[in-house]
Amino acid sequence: RFEYSVPKVLFGINLFSIDPDLIFESMHRVQEQFENIFKIELPSPNDWYCYRVDTCANYILKSPIQVKNIITYLQRLDYPRKVKNIYGDTGLYFPSRYNTLKVYWKGPEFKKHDFDRLKNKKDISVLVDFAQNILRIEVEHRKRLLYMIKKYELENNVKFNKFEGYIRMADLMGIFNFKDEMKDYMSKIFCGTKSKVM
């Protein structure tokens, strides 16, 4: 199993959102690098099965204070039928069997996971400053993919080749609308909530 960040493979960082069309380019790069390092020939990326997709939206705000204020506000809300986990003043997430939603301040996360690797780059301070103003909302789709595959097969009278219930990325790209799935799940979480501190 390969798990990787498409933007990190393509650009070395994951501060920016990418177009889904770049997924295949990243898959070919992963294949090329893996084969070069380990001297093992992998199947074509067209035959890779996908069991997880993470989608995200970056909200570029005017200051880190705005990012913290939004996170603090979201942390104070009750979310019916959702388990909420809070990470200090930097984020919150909602785990579930089907999707996991994460809302976090990108600045501290970027410093923790990428700063040491990138600290010798000339523009690292620009990247750190940029990350400080990002509110990241991320959805990890796992079992939701299985539901979507079954639904699509029933509605369209088709059968995909599967591995452990999952289909090839090439097929998934035809049925999975990244932006719509992201918007739909965010609206399910954030619409109809009530504040604890009213």
Protein backbone atom coordinates (compact mmCIF):
# COMPACT_ATOMS: atom_id res chain seq x y z
CA ARG A 1 0.00 0.00 0.00
CA PHE A 2 1.16 3.48 -0.85
CA GLU A 3 -0.07 6.47 1.14
CA TYR A 4 1.23 9.85 0.13
CA SER A 5 0.37 13.50 -0.25
CA VAL A 6 -0.14 14.46 -3.89
CA PRO A 7 1.05 18.07 -3.39
CA LYS A 8 4.15 16.90 -1.49
CA VAL A 9 5.07 14.50 -4.30
CA LEU A 10 4.59 17.18 -6.95
CA PHE A 11 5.77 20.34 -5.16
CA GLY A 12 7.58 19.24 -2.00
CA ILE A 13 5.02 20.93 0.29
CA ASN A 14 1.29 20.64 0.90
CA LEU A 15 0.38 24.26 1.56
CA PHE A 16 -1.55 24.55 -1.69
CA SER A 17 -4.57 22.69 -3.00
CA ILE A 18 -4.12 20.88 -6.28
CA ASP A 19 -6.40 20.04 -9.15
CA PRO A 20 -7.54 16.38 -9.17
CA ASP A 21 -6.15 16.09 -12.71
CA LEU A 22 -2.65 16.07 -11.17
CA ILE A 23 -3.31 12.86 -9.23
CA PHE A 24 -2.17 10.66 -12.12
CA GLU A 25 1.04 12.66 -12.54
CA SER A 26 1.79 12.08 -8.85
CA MET A 27 1.08 8.35 -9.19
CA HIS A 28 3.57 8.07 -12.05
CA ARG A 29 6.19 9.96 -10.02
CA VAL A 30 5.69 7.65 -7.03
CA GLN A 31 6.03 4.63 -9.31
CA GLU A 32 9.20 6.02 -10.91
CA GLN A 33 10.84 6.89 -7.58
CA PHE A 34 9.90 3.57 -5.97
CA GLU A 35 11.24 1.59 -8.91
CA ASN A 36 14.47 3.64 -8.98
CA ILE A 37 15.10 3.18 -5.26
CA PHE A 38 14.04 -0.44 -4.79
CA LYS A 39 14.70 -1.81 -8.30
CA ILE A 40 11.25 -3.46 -8.34
CA GLU A 41 8.85 -3.08 -11.21
CA LEU A 42 5.37 -1.98 -10.12
CA PRO A 43 2.10 -2.40 -12.00
CA SER A 44 1.01 0.60 -14.05
CA PRO A 45 -0.65 3.34 -11.95
CA ASN A 46 -3.72 2.79 -14.13
CA ASP A 47 -4.10 -0.51 -12.24
CA TRP A 48 -3.67 0.91 -8.72
CA TYR A 49 -6.66 0.52 -6.42
CA CYS A 50 -7.65 3.40 -4.17
CA TYR A 51 -8.87 2.80 -0.61
CA ARG A 52 -8.59 6.35 0.70
CA VAL A 53 -8.86 9.88 -0.65
CA ASP A 54 -8.22 13.03 1.37
CA THR A 55 -9.72 16.27 0.10
CA CYS A 56 -9.09 19.71 1.55
CA ALA A 57 -9.93 23.37 1.31
CA ASN A 58 -7.60 26.15 2.38
CA TYR A 59 -9.10 29.35 3.70
CA ILE A 60 -6.47 32.10 3.53
CA LEU A 61 -7.29 34.59 6.28
CA LYS A 62 -5.82 37.98 7.11
CA SER A 63 -3.97 36.93 10.25
CA PRO A 64 -3.18 34.01 12.58
CA ILE A 65 -5.54 35.62 15.12
CA GLN A 66 -8.45 35.17 12.70
CA VAL A 67 -7.53 31.51 12.23
CA LYS A 68 -7.41 30.93 16.01
CA ASN A 69 -10.70 32.78 16.53
CA ILE A 70 -12.52 30.61 14.00
CA ILE A 71 -11.10 27.42 15.50
CA THR A 72 -12.05 28.58 19.02
CA TYR A 73 -15.58 29.35 17.82
CA LEU A 74 -15.95 25.96 16.11
CA GLN A 75 -14.63 24.19 19.20
CA ARG A 76 -17.45 25.72 21.30
CA LEU A 77 -20.25 24.32 19.14
CA ASP A 78 -22.19 21.16 19.82
CA TYR A 79 -22.38 18.83 16.83
CA PRO A 80 -25.39 16.47 17.02
CA ARG A 81 -24.44 12.79 16.69
CA LYS A 82 -20.77 13.66 16.12
CA VAL A 83 -17.80 12.94 18.36
CA LYS A 84 -15.61 16.03 18.54
CA ASN A 85 -11.92 15.91 19.45
CA ILE A 86 -10.08 19.14 20.25
CA TYR A 87 -6.37 19.86 19.85
CA GLY A 88 -5.49 22.81 22.06
CA ASP A 89 -6.16 26.02 20.18
CA THR A 90 -4.95 24.65 16.83
CA GLY A 91 -7.74 22.36 15.66
CA LEU A 92 -10.54 19.87 16.02
CA TYR A 93 -11.63 16.75 14.23
CA PHE A 94 -14.61 14.47 13.89
CA PRO A 95 -13.74 10.80 13.37
CA SER A 96 -16.25 8.38 11.93
CA ARG A 97 -16.29 5.03 10.16
CA TYR A 98 -17.06 6.64 6.81
CA ASN A 99 -15.30 10.01 6.77
CA THR A 100 -13.10 11.97 9.13
CA LEU A 101 -13.26 15.76 9.12
CA LYS A 102 -10.32 17.81 10.38
CA VAL A 103 -10.22 21.56 10.88
CA TYR A 104 -6.86 22.97 11.84
CA TRP A 105 -4.44 25.86 11.79
CA LYS A 106 -1.94 25.03 9.07
CA GLY A 107 0.92 27.11 10.53
CA PRO A 108 1.76 24.92 13.55
CA GLU A 109 1.14 21.73 11.54
CA PHE A 110 3.51 22.93 8.79
CA LYS A 111 6.21 23.81 11.33
CA LYS A 112 5.87 20.43 13.05
CA HIS A 113 5.92 18.23 9.94
CA ASP A 114 7.82 20.17 7.27
CA PHE A 115 10.02 22.86 8.78
CA ASP A 116 13.05 20.68 9.59
CA ARG A 117 12.98 19.14 6.11
CA LEU A 118 12.76 22.56 4.43
CA LYS A 119 14.66 24.83 6.84
CA ASN A 120 17.59 25.34 4.43
CA LYS A 121 15.38 26.61 1.61
CA LYS A 122 15.72 30.31 0.86
CA ASP A 123 12.00 31.01 0.97
CA ILE A 124 11.16 29.02 4.10
CA SER A 125 10.20 32.13 6.10
CA VAL A 126 7.75 33.14 3.35
CA LEU A 127 6.18 29.66 3.46
CA VAL A 128 5.94 29.71 7.27
CA ASP A 129 4.31 33.16 7.20
CA PHE A 130 1.88 32.01 4.51
CA ALA A 131 0.96 28.87 6.49
CA GLN A 132 0.22 30.98 9.59
CA ASN A 133 -2.83 32.47 7.84
CA ILE A 134 -4.33 29.20 6.57
CA LEU A 135 -7.38 27.55 8.07
CA ARG A 136 -7.36 24.03 6.58
CA ILE A 137 -10.46 21.88 6.37
CA GLU A 138 -9.70 18.31 5.37
CA VAL A 139 -11.92 15.29 4.80
CA GLU A 140 -10.54 11.76 4.80
CA HIS A 141 -12.81 9.51 2.71
CA ARG A 142 -12.50 5.76 3.35
CA LYS A 143 -15.65 3.70 3.82
CA ARG A 144 -17.62 6.43 2.06
CA LEU A 145 -15.82 5.29 -1.09
CA LEU A 146 -17.29 1.78 -0.69
CA TYR A 147 -20.79 3.24 -0.39
CA MET A 148 -20.29 5.43 -3.47
CA ILE A 149 -18.96 2.51 -5.53
CA LYS A 150 -21.94 0.28 -4.66
CA LYS A 151 -24.42 3.09 -5.30
CA TYR A 152 -22.86 3.92 -8.67
CA GLU A 153 -22.86 0.27 -9.74
CA LEU A 154 -26.54 -0.15 -8.83
CA GLU A 155 -27.68 3.09 -10.45
CA ASN A 156 -25.68 2.56 -13.64
CA ASN A 157 -25.88 -1.23 -13.93
CA VAL A 158 -22.09 -1.62 -14.11
CA LYS A 159 -19.54 -3.73 -12.23
CA PHE A 160 -16.04 -2.48 -11.49
CA ASN A 161 -13.00 -4.67 -10.98
CA LYS A 162 -12.35 -4.49 -7.25
CA PHE A 163 -9.75 -5.30 -4.65
CA GLU A 164 -11.14 -5.64 -1.10
CA GLY A 165 -14.19 -3.69 -2.30
CA TYR A 166 -12.20 -0.75 -3.68
CA ILE A 167 -11.79 0.20 -7.33
CA ARG A 168 -8.92 1.49 -9.42
CA MET A 169 -8.11 5.18 -9.15
CA ALA A 170 -8.76 5.53 -12.88
CA ASP A 171 -12.36 4.32 -12.29
CA LEU A 172 -12.80 6.31 -9.09
CA MET A 173 -11.92 9.55 -10.88
CA GLY A 174 -14.98 8.99 -13.06
CA ILE A 175 -17.45 8.72 -10.17
CA PHE A 176 -15.92 10.81 -7.35
CA ASN A 177 -16.48 14.57 -7.54
CA PHE A 178 -13.85 15.88 -5.12
CA LYS A 179 -15.32 19.37 -4.67
CA ASP A 180 -18.92 18.22 -4.28
CA GLU A 181 -18.01 15.51 -1.77
CA MET A 182 -16.04 18.03 0.28
CA LYS A 183 -18.85 20.60 0.28
CA ASP A 184 -21.49 17.98 1.07
CA TYR A 185 -19.65 16.58 4.06
CA MET A 186 -18.73 20.01 5.44
CA SER A 187 -22.38 21.09 5.26
CA LYS A 188 -23.49 17.95 7.12
CA ILE A 189 -21.12 18.75 9.97
CA PHE A 190 -21.46 22.52 10.25
CA CYS A 191 -25.11 23.20 9.39
CA GLY A 192 -27.59 23.11 12.26
CA THR A 193 -25.07 23.27 15.11
CA LYS A 194 -25.73 25.06 18.39
CA SER A 195 -23.21 27.00 20.40
CA LYS A 196 -22.52 25.98 24.02
CA VAL A 197 -21.75 29.56 24.98
CA MET A 198 -24.76 31.53 23.75
